[in-house]
Amino acid sequence: MLTEIIISGFGGQGALFAGKCLAYGAMMKDVEISWLPSYGPEMRGGTANCSVCLSDEPIGSPLVTEPDILIAMNDPSVEKFINSVKSGGKVFVDSSLASTEIARKDIEVYRLPASQLAEEKKLGGMGNIVLLGKVIRECGKMLFGIDGKTLLDAFAKIIPAKRAALIEKNVAALILGEKY
């Protein structure tokens, strides 16, 4: 089984960090993983994105052209990637920053005001992790057993000791998304 994911937003929204969290979670579950970030001028206001592949066998290419899961944190991300999502795929949209109408009927679309929810709980800038919590809740088997607990452990590995106070905020944001 192979699950391909694209996480996209504008530079600074944490699309690459969210992908890195999934990658570390996969490593902790002994799942084959690839994480391919997109750097460049996108990080200065355009769409920054990363591709994440999870598999139970070696991955042939880290490039994702038809994702099973799309996490879109703004309108340009929805517009850029919505038509590439596989039929039957799942799309998670931060509705507080993206209002693009999605006409496709062959995919499941989850809209949640992730950035707004994060702001209301004093977790500014963690809409990416709120969305990740919703993905964990809705995608189960597609994620090879990566759950909230796995990501909590991943936060401890990814977040440097000098920023350890952010672990608690990430945990709160993840739980917020799981419960939405």
Protein backbone atom coordinates (compact mmCIF):
# COMPACT_ATOMS: atom_id res chain seq x y z
CA MET A 1 0.00 0.00 0.00
CA LEU A 2 1.19 3.54 -0.81
CA THR A 3 -0.27 6.79 0.50
CA GLU A 4 0.84 9.99 -1.20
CA ILE A 5 0.29 13.36 0.47
CA ILE A 6 0.82 16.99 -0.54
CA ILE A 7 0.88 19.65 2.17
CA SER A 8 0.77 23.19 0.83
CA GLY A 9 0.44 26.75 2.08
CA PHE A 10 2.26 30.03 1.80
CA GLY A 11 5.77 30.40 3.15
CA GLY A 12 5.77 30.55 6.94
CA GLN A 13 2.55 28.57 7.49
CA GLY A 14 4.41 25.42 8.44
CA ALA A 15 3.60 23.14 5.48
CA LEU A 16 7.13 21.76 5.51
CA PHE A 17 7.08 21.29 9.30
CA ALA A 18 3.78 19.38 9.12
CA GLY A 19 5.28 17.10 6.49
CA LYS A 20 8.36 16.58 8.62
CA CYS A 21 6.13 15.58 11.56
CA LEU A 22 4.43 12.94 9.41
CA ALA A 23 7.83 11.72 8.18
CA TYR A 24 9.17 11.31 11.72
CA GLY A 25 5.94 9.62 12.78
CA ALA A 26 6.32 7.15 9.91
CA MET A 27 9.92 6.39 10.89
CA MET A 28 8.77 5.66 14.43
CA LYS A 29 6.26 3.15 13.02
CA ASP A 30 8.89 1.54 10.74
CA VAL A 31 7.00 2.69 7.66
CA GLU A 32 8.85 3.44 4.41
CA ILE A 33 8.91 7.21 4.00
CA SER A 34 9.93 9.97 1.65
CA TRP A 35 9.66 13.69 2.37
CA LEU A 36 10.35 16.12 -0.44
CA PRO A 37 10.15 19.82 0.49
CA SER A 38 9.79 22.56 -2.11
CA TYR A 39 12.06 25.51 -1.43
CA GLY A 40 12.72 28.63 -3.42
CA PRO A 41 10.79 31.82 -4.14
CA GLU A 42 7.60 30.14 -2.91
CA MET A 43 8.79 30.70 0.65
CA ARG A 44 8.40 34.44 0.19
CA GLY A 45 4.62 34.51 -0.15
CA GLY A 46 3.72 31.96 -2.83
CA THR A 47 2.85 28.33 -2.31
CA ALA A 48 5.40 26.38 -0.27
CA ASN A 49 4.72 22.66 -0.26
CA CYS A 50 6.07 19.23 0.44
CA SER A 51 5.34 15.74 -0.78
CA VAL A 52 5.15 12.88 1.71
CA CYS A 53 4.97 9.23 0.68
CA LEU A 54 4.16 6.45 3.16
CA SER A 55 4.43 2.82 2.12
CA ASP A 56 4.79 -0.72 3.35
CA GLU A 57 7.46 -1.35 0.69
CA PRO A 58 10.32 0.71 -0.80
CA ILE A 59 9.21 3.95 -2.47
CA GLY A 60 10.16 4.32 -6.13
CA SER A 61 9.92 8.11 -6.36
CA PRO A 62 9.43 10.88 -3.80
CA LEU A 63 7.55 12.98 -6.35
CA VAL A 64 3.79 13.13 -5.75
CA THR A 65 1.72 14.01 -8.80
CA GLU A 66 -1.64 12.50 -7.76
CA PRO A 67 -2.03 12.73 -3.99
CA ASP A 68 -4.37 10.56 -1.96
CA ILE A 69 -4.44 13.34 0.64
CA LEU A 70 -4.13 17.11 0.10
CA ILE A 71 -3.70 19.54 2.97
CA ALA A 72 -4.30 23.04 1.59
CA MET A 73 -3.76 26.00 3.88
CA ASN A 74 -4.70 28.82 1.47
CA ASP A 75 -6.53 29.54 -1.80
CA PRO A 76 -3.45 29.32 -4.09
CA SER A 77 -2.76 25.84 -2.66
CA VAL A 78 -6.31 24.68 -3.35
CA GLU A 79 -6.18 26.10 -6.87
CA LYS A 80 -2.76 24.60 -7.63
CA PHE A 81 -3.39 21.05 -6.39
CA ILE A 82 -7.13 20.29 -6.26
CA ASN A 83 -7.34 18.81 -9.75
CA SER A 84 -4.43 16.46 -9.11
CA VAL A 85 -6.05 14.68 -6.12
CA LYS A 86 -6.91 11.05 -6.91
CA SER A 87 -10.57 10.18 -7.24
CA GLY A 88 -11.65 8.97 -3.78
CA GLY A 89 -8.96 11.12 -2.15
CA LYS A 90 -9.31 13.38 0.86
CA VAL A 91 -8.76 17.13 0.95
CA PHE A 92 -8.29 19.16 4.14
CA VAL A 93 -8.72 22.92 3.78
CA ASP A 94 -8.07 25.70 6.27
CA SER A 95 -11.38 27.49 5.71
CA SER A 96 -10.26 30.53 7.68
CA LEU A 97 -7.74 31.28 4.89
CA ALA A 98 -9.19 29.51 1.85
CA SER A 99 -12.64 30.04 0.39
CA THR A 100 -12.13 28.56 -3.09
CA GLU A 101 -15.17 26.53 -4.15
CA ILE A 102 -14.35 22.90 -4.80
CA ALA A 103 -16.67 21.49 -7.43
CA ARG A 104 -15.30 17.95 -7.52
CA LYS A 105 -17.74 15.33 -6.23
CA ASP A 106 -15.34 12.36 -6.41
CA ILE A 107 -13.29 13.41 -3.36
CA GLU A 108 -14.00 14.01 0.33
CA VAL A 109 -13.46 17.61 1.40
CA TYR A 110 -12.99 18.60 5.04
CA ARG A 111 -13.11 22.32 5.76
CA LEU A 112 -12.06 23.54 9.16
CA PRO A 113 -11.04 27.02 10.29
CA ALA A 114 -7.68 25.74 11.51
CA SER A 115 -5.86 29.09 11.75
CA GLN A 116 -8.83 30.73 13.46
CA LEU A 117 -9.16 27.85 15.96
CA ALA A 118 -5.43 28.10 16.72
CA GLU A 119 -5.67 31.88 17.27
CA GLU A 120 -8.70 31.50 19.57
CA LYS A 121 -6.74 29.07 21.77
CA LYS A 122 -3.63 31.32 21.79
CA LEU A 123 -1.81 28.88 19.50
CA GLY A 124 -1.10 31.41 16.75
CA GLY A 125 0.71 30.03 13.75
CA MET A 126 -0.27 26.42 14.46
CA GLY A 127 -3.10 26.00 11.98
CA ASN A 128 -0.86 23.48 10.22
CA ILE A 129 -0.87 21.20 13.26
CA VAL A 130 -4.62 21.65 13.77
CA LEU A 131 -5.09 20.41 10.19
CA LEU A 132 -2.69 17.53 10.85
CA GLY A 133 -4.82 16.51 13.84
CA LYS A 134 -7.90 16.36 11.60
CA VAL A 135 -5.98 14.29 9.03
CA ILE A 136 -4.95 11.82 11.78
CA ARG A 137 -8.58 11.47 12.83
CA GLU A 138 -10.04 11.02 9.34
CA CYS A 139 -7.38 8.99 7.51
CA GLY A 140 -6.65 6.13 9.93
CA LYS A 141 -5.49 3.13 7.91
CA MET A 142 -4.07 5.32 5.12
CA LEU A 143 -1.44 6.56 7.60
CA PHE A 144 -0.11 3.11 8.60
CA GLY A 145 -0.89 3.52 12.29
CA ILE A 146 0.47 7.04 12.69
CA ASP A 147 -1.76 8.50 15.38
CA GLY A 148 -1.77 11.37 17.83
CA LYS A 149 0.57 9.60 20.24
CA THR A 150 3.06 8.90 17.46
CA LEU A 151 3.09 12.58 16.50
CA LEU A 152 3.52 13.63 20.13
CA ASP A 153 6.68 11.52 20.20
CA ALA A 154 7.74 13.01 16.86
CA PHE A 155 7.38 16.57 18.24
CA ALA A 156 9.91 15.71 20.94
CA LYS A 157 12.39 14.61 18.26
CA ILE A 158 11.85 17.49 15.83
CA ILE A 159 11.54 20.49 18.13
CA PRO A 160 14.97 21.53 19.46
CA ALA A 161 15.56 21.62 23.24
CA LYS A 162 15.88 25.41 23.27
CA ARG A 163 12.30 25.62 21.91
CA ALA A 164 10.86 22.82 24.09
CA ALA A 165 8.04 25.11 25.24
CA LEU A 166 6.57 24.73 21.74
CA ILE A 167 6.00 21.01 22.25
CA GLU A 168 3.07 21.69 24.57
CA LYS A 169 1.52 24.13 22.08
CA ASN A 170 1.90 21.65 19.23
CA VAL A 171 0.24 18.96 21.34
CA ALA A 172 -2.67 21.31 22.10
CA ALA A 173 -3.03 22.19 18.40
CA LEU A 174 -2.97 18.52 17.39
CA ILE A 175 -5.68 17.64 19.91
CA LEU A 176 -7.77 20.61 18.75
CA GLY A 177 -7.72 19.23 15.19
CA GLU A 178 -8.45 15.67 16.28
CA LYS A 179 -11.53 16.82 18.19
CA TYR A 180 -12.92 19.10 15.47
